[in-house]
Amino acid sequence: MLLRFAASKEGASVSVSDVAEVLLKEVGGGILLGVLTGYVVYRAMRLIDDYEIEVLISVALVTGTYALASHLHVSGPLSMVAAGLLIGDRGPRYAMSERTQRYVFALWTVVDEILNSVLFLLIGLEPLTLRFDPRTLLLSTAAVPIVLFARFVSVGVQPVLFAWTRMLLWANAPFLTWAGLRGGISVALALSLPDNSAKPLILAATYAVVLFSIIVQGSTLSLVAKRTVGTG
């Protein structure tokens, strides 16, 4: 949404209704597409008792749904989430034999490991293409406190809004803020941006946030937890 707004030559004229329309299409359309394709595959798996075919069907579900989502301009990741939740919940209980489950889950575990390896390889190589100048360093330095403040607002407003439940404590907001670690997904999103003059700046700021998150926040998380969680 922010990318579309920034890339628009008439970004200032974008209205709330325009934002709502795009979000409804991207989010609602992506979830609906995932549920529909996931249900079709779930029904197919119930009719088939052949682990080889069911493995191929799961591959077709992922590749086909994501390609269709891109063609329809809806959210591919949310389509995958919806389809995965449906298949992952109902499939093992009603549609997959134990042998099918073993092969399907083994396949996607390996795929997950391979994709993560490729992602972190790209993360390691990408800094070689970045140009560090005063403007980049300034933006990277500013990005860290901005992200932490945004995280604090997002987790801090919930205890106020839902104070009547007593399930969320304001005293835990500092820990939840510090525990908002950033990693491969953040960098992957930055890498997926189309090439333009702002992309190097966004990449540099993202790397700064991720490095601070992993090195500083990750190494001090237990200390912050001991000092803050449940103190209120």
C-alpha atoms as a PDB file:
ATOM      1  CA  MET A   1       0.000   0.000   0.000  1.00  0.00           C
ATOM      2  CA  LEU A   2       2.768   2.436   0.948  1.00  0.00           C
ATOM      3  CA  LEU A   3       4.690   1.513  -2.195  1.00  0.00           C
ATOM      4  CA  ARG A   4       1.702   2.256  -4.399  1.00  0.00           C
ATOM      5  CA  PHE A   5       1.164   5.539  -2.599  1.00  0.00           C
ATOM      6  CA  ALA A   6       4.799   6.579  -2.960  1.00  0.00           C
ATOM      7  CA  ALA A   7       5.032   5.502  -6.591  1.00  0.00           C
ATOM      8  CA  SER A   8       1.899   7.386  -7.584  1.00  0.00           C
ATOM      9  CA  LYS A   9       2.545  10.764  -9.177  1.00  0.00           C
ATOM     10  CA  GLU A  10      -0.657  11.952  -7.583  1.00  0.00           C
ATOM     11  CA  GLY A  11      -0.091  10.309  -4.224  1.00  0.00           C
ATOM     12  CA  ALA A  12      -1.500  13.282  -2.347  1.00  0.00           C
ATOM     13  CA  SER A  13      -4.880  12.712  -3.965  1.00  0.00           C
ATOM     14  CA  VAL A  14      -5.238   9.140  -2.721  1.00  0.00           C
ATOM     15  CA  SER A  15      -8.303   8.991  -0.487  1.00  0.00           C
ATOM     16  CA  VAL A  16      -9.255   6.758   2.421  1.00  0.00           C
ATOM     17  CA  SER A  17     -11.756   4.968   0.212  1.00  0.00           C
ATOM     18  CA  ASP A  18      -8.997   4.233  -2.313  1.00  0.00           C
ATOM     19  CA  VAL A  19      -6.852   2.726   0.447  1.00  0.00           C
ATOM     20  CA  ALA A  20      -9.769   0.673   1.776  1.00  0.00           C
ATOM     21  CA  GLU A  21     -10.589  -0.591  -1.715  1.00  0.00           C
ATOM     22  CA  VAL A  22      -7.035  -1.750  -2.379  1.00  0.00           C
ATOM     23  CA  LEU A  23      -6.740  -3.389   1.047  1.00  0.00           C
ATOM     24  CA  LEU A  24     -10.062  -5.153   0.598  1.00  0.00           C
ATOM     25  CA  LYS A  25      -8.967  -6.481  -2.778  1.00  0.00           C
ATOM     26  CA  GLU A  26      -5.459  -7.471  -1.702  1.00  0.00           C
ATOM     27  CA  VAL A  27      -6.302  -8.928   1.706  1.00  0.00           C
ATOM     28  CA  GLY A  28      -9.862 -10.145   1.241  1.00  0.00           C
ATOM     29  CA  GLY A  29      -9.244 -11.376  -2.294  1.00  0.00           C
ATOM     30  CA  GLY A  30      -6.056 -13.183  -1.296  1.00  0.00           C
ATOM     31  CA  ILE A  31      -7.689 -14.971   1.640  1.00  0.00           C
ATOM     32  CA  LEU A  32     -10.753 -15.882  -0.396  1.00  0.00           C
ATOM     33  CA  LEU A  33      -8.634 -17.274  -3.232  1.00  0.00           C
ATOM     34  CA  GLY A  34      -6.586 -19.365  -0.804  1.00  0.00           C
ATOM     35  CA  VAL A  35      -9.684 -20.777   0.866  1.00  0.00           C
ATOM     36  CA  LEU A  36     -11.253 -21.686  -2.485  1.00  0.00           C
ATOM     37  CA  THR A  37      -8.190 -23.384  -3.964  1.00  0.00           C
ATOM     38  CA  GLY A  38      -7.342 -25.011  -0.628  1.00  0.00           C
ATOM     39  CA  TYR A  39     -10.844 -26.461  -0.367  1.00  0.00           C
ATOM     40  CA  VAL A  40     -10.690 -27.812  -3.931  1.00  0.00           C
ATOM     41  CA  VAL A  41      -7.386 -29.540  -3.156  1.00  0.00           C
ATOM     42  CA  TYR A  42      -8.723 -30.806   0.168  1.00  0.00           C
ATOM     43  CA  ARG A  43     -11.694 -32.409  -1.586  1.00  0.00           C
ATOM     44  CA  ALA A  44      -9.381 -33.921  -4.184  1.00  0.00           C
ATOM     45  CA  MET A  45      -7.188 -35.429  -1.476  1.00  0.00           C
ATOM     46  CA  ARG A  46     -10.212 -36.997   0.166  1.00  0.00           C
ATOM     47  CA  LEU A  47     -11.018 -38.786  -3.091  1.00  0.00           C
ATOM     48  CA  ILE A  48      -7.445 -39.944  -3.731  1.00  0.00           C
ATOM     49  CA  ASP A  49      -5.391 -42.404  -1.698  1.00  0.00           C
ATOM     50  CA  ASP A  50      -2.045 -42.200  -3.460  1.00  0.00           C
ATOM     51  CA  TYR A  51       0.739 -40.345  -1.675  1.00  0.00           C
ATOM     52  CA  GLU A  52       2.639 -39.557  -4.908  1.00  0.00           C
ATOM     53  CA  ILE A  53      -0.354 -37.848  -6.481  1.00  0.00           C
ATOM     54  CA  GLU A  54      -1.228 -36.034  -3.268  1.00  0.00           C
ATOM     55  CA  VAL A  55       2.317 -34.666  -3.001  1.00  0.00           C
ATOM     56  CA  LEU A  56       2.058 -33.386  -6.581  1.00  0.00           C
ATOM     57  CA  ILE A  57      -1.331 -31.865  -5.786  1.00  0.00           C
ATOM     58  CA  SER A  58       0.178 -29.947  -2.864  1.00  0.00           C
ATOM     59  CA  VAL A  59       2.888 -28.590  -5.185  1.00  0.00           C
ATOM     60  CA  ALA A  60       0.259 -27.611  -7.746  1.00  0.00           C
ATOM     61  CA  LEU A  61      -1.728 -25.857  -5.016  1.00  0.00           C
ATOM     62  CA  VAL A  62       1.213 -23.654  -4.052  1.00  0.00           C
ATOM     63  CA  THR A  63       2.519 -22.802  -7.516  1.00  0.00           C
ATOM     64  CA  GLY A  64      -0.894 -22.492  -9.153  1.00  0.00           C
ATOM     65  CA  THR A  65      -2.515 -20.413  -6.420  1.00  0.00           C
ATOM     66  CA  TYR A  66       0.415 -18.023  -6.166  1.00  0.00           C
ATOM     67  CA  ALA A  67       0.524 -17.539  -9.928  1.00  0.00           C
ATOM     68  CA  LEU A  68      -3.229 -16.967 -10.018  1.00  0.00           C
ATOM     69  CA  ALA A  69      -2.979 -14.478  -7.154  1.00  0.00           C
ATOM     70  CA  SER A  70      -0.346 -12.514  -9.047  1.00  0.00           C
ATOM     71  CA  HIS A  71      -2.533 -12.510 -12.151  1.00  0.00           C
ATOM     72  CA  LEU A  72      -5.563 -11.315 -10.181  1.00  0.00           C
ATOM     73  CA  HIS A  73      -3.482  -8.733  -8.268  1.00  0.00           C
ATOM     74  CA  VAL A  74      -4.383 -10.112  -4.847  1.00  0.00           C
ATOM     75  CA  SER A  75      -2.045 -11.090  -2.024  1.00  0.00           C
ATOM     76  CA  GLY A  76      -0.145 -14.270  -2.882  1.00  0.00           C
ATOM     77  CA  PRO A  77       1.297 -14.734   0.639  1.00  0.00           C
ATOM     78  CA  LEU A  78      -2.129 -14.425   2.256  1.00  0.00           C
ATOM     79  CA  SER A  79      -3.512 -16.891  -0.281  1.00  0.00           C
ATOM     80  CA  MET A  80      -0.815 -19.328   0.789  1.00  0.00           C
ATOM     81  CA  VAL A  81      -1.565 -18.745   4.466  1.00  0.00           C
ATOM     82  CA  ALA A  82      -5.283 -19.413   3.979  1.00  0.00           C
ATOM     83  CA  ALA A  83      -4.735 -22.507   1.835  1.00  0.00           C
ATOM     84  CA  GLY A  84      -2.018 -23.814   4.152  1.00  0.00           C
ATOM     85  CA  LEU A  85      -4.147 -23.431   7.270  1.00  0.00           C
ATOM     86  CA  LEU A  86      -7.052 -25.232   5.636  1.00  0.00           C
ATOM     87  CA  ILE A  87      -4.963 -28.115   4.264  1.00  0.00           C
ATOM     88  CA  GLY A  88      -2.766 -28.311   7.363  1.00  0.00           C
ATOM     89  CA  ASP A  89      -5.769 -28.531   9.680  1.00  0.00           C
ATOM     90  CA  ARG A  90      -8.303 -30.649   7.824  1.00  0.00           C
ATOM     91  CA  GLY A  91      -5.984 -32.612   5.558  1.00  0.00           C
ATOM     92  CA  PRO A  92      -4.270 -34.787   8.200  1.00  0.00           C
ATOM     93  CA  ARG A  93      -7.557 -35.423  10.006  1.00  0.00           C
ATOM     94  CA  TYR A  94      -9.827 -36.242   7.079  1.00  0.00           C
ATOM     95  CA  ALA A  95      -7.937 -36.507   3.787  1.00  0.00           C
ATOM     96  CA  MET A  96      -4.383 -37.818   4.268  1.00  0.00           C
ATOM     97  CA  SER A  97      -3.147 -41.204   5.326  1.00  0.00           C
ATOM     98  CA  GLU A  98      -0.172 -41.418   7.678  1.00  0.00           C
ATOM     99  CA  ARG A  99       2.073 -42.271   4.748  1.00  0.00           C
ATOM    100  CA  THR A 100       0.838 -39.272   2.746  1.00  0.00           C
ATOM    101  CA  GLN A 101       1.363 -36.962   5.719  1.00  0.00           C
ATOM    102  CA  ARG A 102       4.928 -38.208   6.103  1.00  0.00           C
ATOM    103  CA  TYR A 103       5.827 -37.507   2.474  1.00  0.00           C
ATOM    104  CA  VAL A 104       3.940 -34.196   2.157  1.00  0.00           C
ATOM    105  CA  PHE A 105       5.362 -32.716   5.350  1.00  0.00           C
ATOM    106  CA  ALA A 106       8.864 -33.982   4.538  1.00  0.00           C
ATOM    107  CA  LEU A 107       8.743 -32.350   1.102  1.00  0.00           C
ATOM    108  CA  TRP A 108       7.679 -28.940   2.401  1.00  0.00           C
ATOM    109  CA  THR A 109      10.159 -29.092   5.265  1.00  0.00           C
ATOM    110  CA  VAL A 110      12.972 -29.546   2.748  1.00  0.00           C
ATOM    111  CA  VAL A 111      11.570 -26.796   0.498  1.00  0.00           C
ATOM    112  CA  ASP A 112      11.397 -24.465   3.497  1.00  0.00           C
ATOM    113  CA  GLU A 113      15.028 -25.155   4.390  1.00  0.00           C
ATOM    114  CA  ILE A 114      16.189 -24.606   0.795  1.00  0.00           C
ATOM    115  CA  LEU A 115      14.301 -21.324   0.407  1.00  0.00           C
ATOM    116  CA  ASN A 116      15.596 -20.058   3.742  1.00  0.00           C
ATOM    117  CA  SER A 117      19.137 -20.906   2.679  1.00  0.00           C
ATOM    118  CA  VAL A 118      18.713 -19.049  -0.611  1.00  0.00           C
ATOM    119  CA  LEU A 119      17.174 -16.074   1.181  1.00  0.00           C
ATOM    120  CA  PHE A 120      20.039 -15.752   3.656  1.00  0.00           C
ATOM    121  CA  LEU A 121      22.545 -16.186   0.827  1.00  0.00           C
ATOM    122  CA  LEU A 122      20.938 -13.196  -0.896  1.00  0.00           C
ATOM    123  CA  ILE A 123      20.988 -11.309   2.396  1.00  0.00           C
ATOM    124  CA  GLY A 124      24.725 -11.936   2.656  1.00  0.00           C
ATOM    125  CA  LEU A 125      25.429 -10.854  -0.926  1.00  0.00           C
ATOM    126  CA  GLU A 126      23.162  -7.821  -1.076  1.00  0.00           C
ATOM    127  CA  PRO A 127      25.349  -5.492   1.079  1.00  0.00           C
ATOM    128  CA  LEU A 128      27.987  -5.719  -1.650  1.00  0.00           C
ATOM    129  CA  THR A 129      25.664  -3.757  -3.950  1.00  0.00           C
ATOM    130  CA  LEU A 130      24.755  -1.046  -1.441  1.00  0.00           C
ATOM    131  CA  ARG A 131      26.279   2.399  -1.645  1.00  0.00           C
ATOM    132  CA  PHE A 132      26.909   3.992   1.727  1.00  0.00           C
ATOM    133  CA  ASP A 133      26.798   7.774   1.701  1.00  0.00           C
ATOM    134  CA  PRO A 134      25.875  10.322   4.401  1.00  0.00           C
ATOM    135  CA  ARG A 135      22.204  10.239   3.424  1.00  0.00           C
ATOM    136  CA  THR A 136      22.095   6.441   3.610  1.00  0.00           C
ATOM    137  CA  LEU A 137      23.822   6.368   6.991  1.00  0.00           C
ATOM    138  CA  LEU A 138      21.472   9.033   8.359  1.00  0.00           C
ATOM    139  CA  LEU A 139      18.393   7.135   7.199  1.00  0.00           C
ATOM    140  CA  SER A 140      19.732   3.834   8.538  1.00  0.00           C
ATOM    141  CA  THR A 141      20.449   5.385  11.929  1.00  0.00           C
ATOM    142  CA  ALA A 142      16.996   6.981  12.092  1.00  0.00           C
ATOM    143  CA  ALA A 143      15.199   3.791  11.011  1.00  0.00           C
ATOM    144  CA  VAL A 144      16.028   1.876  14.192  1.00  0.00           C
ATOM    145  CA  PRO A 145      14.337   4.201  16.727  1.00  0.00           C
ATOM    146  CA  ILE A 146      11.439   4.803  14.336  1.00  0.00           C
ATOM    147  CA  VAL A 147      10.739   1.067  14.079  1.00  0.00           C
ATOM    148  CA  LEU A 148      11.057   0.619  17.841  1.00  0.00           C
ATOM    149  CA  PHE A 149       8.664   3.506  18.471  1.00  0.00           C
ATOM    150  CA  ALA A 150       6.131   2.106  15.975  1.00  0.00           C
ATOM    151  CA  ARG A 151       6.376  -1.279  17.669  1.00  0.00           C
ATOM    152  CA  PHE A 152       5.875   0.332  21.095  1.00  0.00           C
ATOM    153  CA  VAL A 153       2.751   2.117  19.891  1.00  0.00           C
ATOM    154  CA  SER A 154       1.326  -1.056  18.328  1.00  0.00           C
ATOM    155  CA  VAL A 155       1.777  -3.167  21.471  1.00  0.00           C
ATOM    156  CA  GLY A 156       1.196  -0.359  23.972  1.00  0.00           C
ATOM    157  CA  VAL A 157      -2.229   0.631  22.744  1.00  0.00           C
ATOM    158  CA  GLN A 158      -3.664  -2.856  23.255  1.00  0.00           C
ATOM    159  CA  PRO A 159      -3.526  -2.913  27.100  1.00  0.00           C
ATOM    160  CA  VAL A 160      -5.312   0.447  27.052  1.00  0.00           C
ATOM    161  CA  LEU A 161      -8.054  -0.636  24.651  1.00  0.00           C
ATOM    162  CA  PHE A 162      -8.567  -4.020  26.294  1.00  0.00           C
ATOM    163  CA  ALA A 163      -7.884  -3.095  29.914  1.00  0.00           C
ATOM    164  CA  TRP A 164     -11.185  -4.664  30.972  1.00  0.00           C
ATOM    165  CA  THR A 165      -9.899  -8.138  30.042  1.00  0.00           C
ATOM    166  CA  ARG A 166      -6.843  -7.916  32.343  1.00  0.00           C
ATOM    167  CA  MET A 167      -5.102 -10.276  29.912  1.00  0.00           C
ATOM    168  CA  LEU A 168      -2.689  -7.620  28.663  1.00  0.00           C
ATOM    169  CA  LEU A 169      -0.503  -5.635  31.056  1.00  0.00           C
ATOM    170  CA  TRP A 170       0.961  -2.250  30.244  1.00  0.00           C
ATOM    171  CA  ALA A 171       4.093  -3.273  32.140  1.00  0.00           C
ATOM    172  CA  ASN A 172       4.805  -5.886  29.452  1.00  0.00           C
ATOM    173  CA  ALA A 173       4.833  -3.319  26.630  1.00  0.00           C
ATOM    174  CA  PRO A 174       8.616  -2.621  26.898  1.00  0.00           C
ATOM    175  CA  PHE A 175       9.425  -6.319  26.632  1.00  0.00           C
ATOM    176  CA  LEU A 176       7.007  -6.851  23.724  1.00  0.00           C
ATOM    177  CA  THR A 177       8.596  -3.866  22.008  1.00  0.00           C
ATOM    178  CA  TRP A 178      12.103  -5.238  22.451  1.00  0.00           C
ATOM    179  CA  ALA A 179      10.973  -8.734  21.436  1.00  0.00           C
ATOM    180  CA  GLY A 180       9.802  -7.553  18.009  1.00  0.00           C
ATOM    181  CA  LEU A 181      12.793  -9.013  16.196  1.00  0.00           C
ATOM    182  CA  ARG A 182      13.301  -8.466  12.476  1.00  0.00           C
ATOM    183  CA  GLY A 183      14.970 -10.918  10.135  1.00  0.00           C
ATOM    184  CA  GLY A 184      14.789 -12.594   6.748  1.00  0.00           C
ATOM    185  CA  ILE A 185      11.202 -11.631   5.932  1.00  0.00           C
ATOM    186  CA  SER A 186      11.955  -7.922   6.310  1.00  0.00           C
ATOM    187  CA  VAL A 187      14.934  -8.163   3.973  1.00  0.00           C
ATOM    188  CA  ALA A 188      12.990 -10.317   1.520  1.00  0.00           C
ATOM    189  CA  LEU A 189      10.241  -7.697   1.350  1.00  0.00           C
ATOM    190  CA  ALA A 190      12.813  -4.971   0.725  1.00  0.00           C
ATOM    191  CA  LEU A 191      14.525  -7.040  -1.969  1.00  0.00           C
ATOM    192  CA  SER A 192      11.171  -7.620  -3.693  1.00  0.00           C
ATOM    193  CA  LEU A 193      10.619  -3.899  -4.285  1.00  0.00           C
ATOM    194  CA  PRO A 194      10.793  -2.785  -7.932  1.00  0.00           C
ATOM    195  CA  ASP A 195      13.980  -1.010  -8.959  1.00  0.00           C
ATOM    196  CA  ASN A 196      13.816   2.731  -8.388  1.00  0.00           C
ATOM    197  CA  SER A 197      15.887   5.489  -6.830  1.00  0.00           C
ATOM    198  CA  ALA A 198      14.505   4.832  -3.332  1.00  0.00           C
ATOM    199  CA  LYS A 199      15.238   1.087  -3.228  1.00  0.00           C
ATOM    200  CA  PRO A 200      18.919   1.370  -2.117  1.00  0.00           C
ATOM    201  CA  LEU A 201      17.886   3.638   0.758  1.00  0.00           C
ATOM    202  CA  ILE A 202      15.114   1.270   1.829  1.00  0.00           C
ATOM    203  CA  LEU A 203      17.475  -1.712   1.648  1.00  0.00           C
ATOM    204  CA  ALA A 204      20.124   0.052   3.730  1.00  0.00           C
ATOM    205  CA  ALA A 205      17.578   1.086   6.367  1.00  0.00           C
ATOM    206  CA  THR A 206      16.160  -2.434   6.460  1.00  0.00           C
ATOM    207  CA  TYR A 207      19.601  -3.972   6.945  1.00  0.00           C
ATOM    208  CA  ALA A 208      20.291  -1.541   9.779  1.00  0.00           C
ATOM    209  CA  VAL A 209      17.060  -2.502  11.537  1.00  0.00           C
ATOM    210  CA  VAL A 210      17.672  -6.233  11.043  1.00  0.00           C
ATOM    211  CA  LEU A 211      21.274  -6.071  12.286  1.00  0.00           C
ATOM    212  CA  PHE A 212      20.279  -4.051  15.349  1.00  0.00           C
ATOM    213  CA  SER A 213      17.399  -6.434  15.965  1.00  0.00           C
ATOM    214  CA  ILE A 214      19.518  -9.579  15.782  1.00  0.00           C
ATOM    215  CA  ILE A 215      22.683  -8.343  17.507  1.00  0.00           C
ATOM    216  CA  VAL A 216      21.409  -5.908  20.137  1.00  0.00           C
ATOM    217  CA  GLN A 217      17.796  -6.889  20.793  1.00  0.00           C
ATOM    218  CA  GLY A 218      18.412 -10.619  20.425  1.00  0.00           C
ATOM    219  CA  SER A 219      21.402 -10.696  22.752  1.00  0.00           C
ATOM    220  CA  THR A 220      19.713  -8.649  25.490  1.00  0.00           C
ATOM    221  CA  LEU A 221      16.193 -10.088  25.273  1.00  0.00           C
ATOM    222  CA  SER A 222      16.527 -12.327  28.334  1.00  0.00           C
ATOM    223  CA  LEU A 223      17.835  -9.423  30.410  1.00  0.00           C
ATOM    224  CA  VAL A 224      14.938  -7.189  29.377  1.00  0.00           C
ATOM    225  CA  ALA A 225      12.480 -10.003  30.137  1.00  0.00           C
ATOM    226  CA  LYS A 226      13.817 -10.426  33.679  1.00  0.00           C
ATOM    227  CA  ARG A 227      13.540  -6.716  34.363  1.00  0.00           C
ATOM    228  CA  THR A 228      10.190  -5.927  32.785  1.00  0.00           C
ATOM    229  CA  VAL A 229       7.777  -8.852  32.329  1.00  0.00           C
ATOM    230  CA  GLY A 230       5.017  -8.929  34.896  1.00  0.00           C
ATOM    231  CA  THR A 231       6.491  -6.115  37.010  1.00  0.00           C
ATOM    232  CA  GLY A 232       3.178  -4.232  36.825  1.00  0.00           C
END
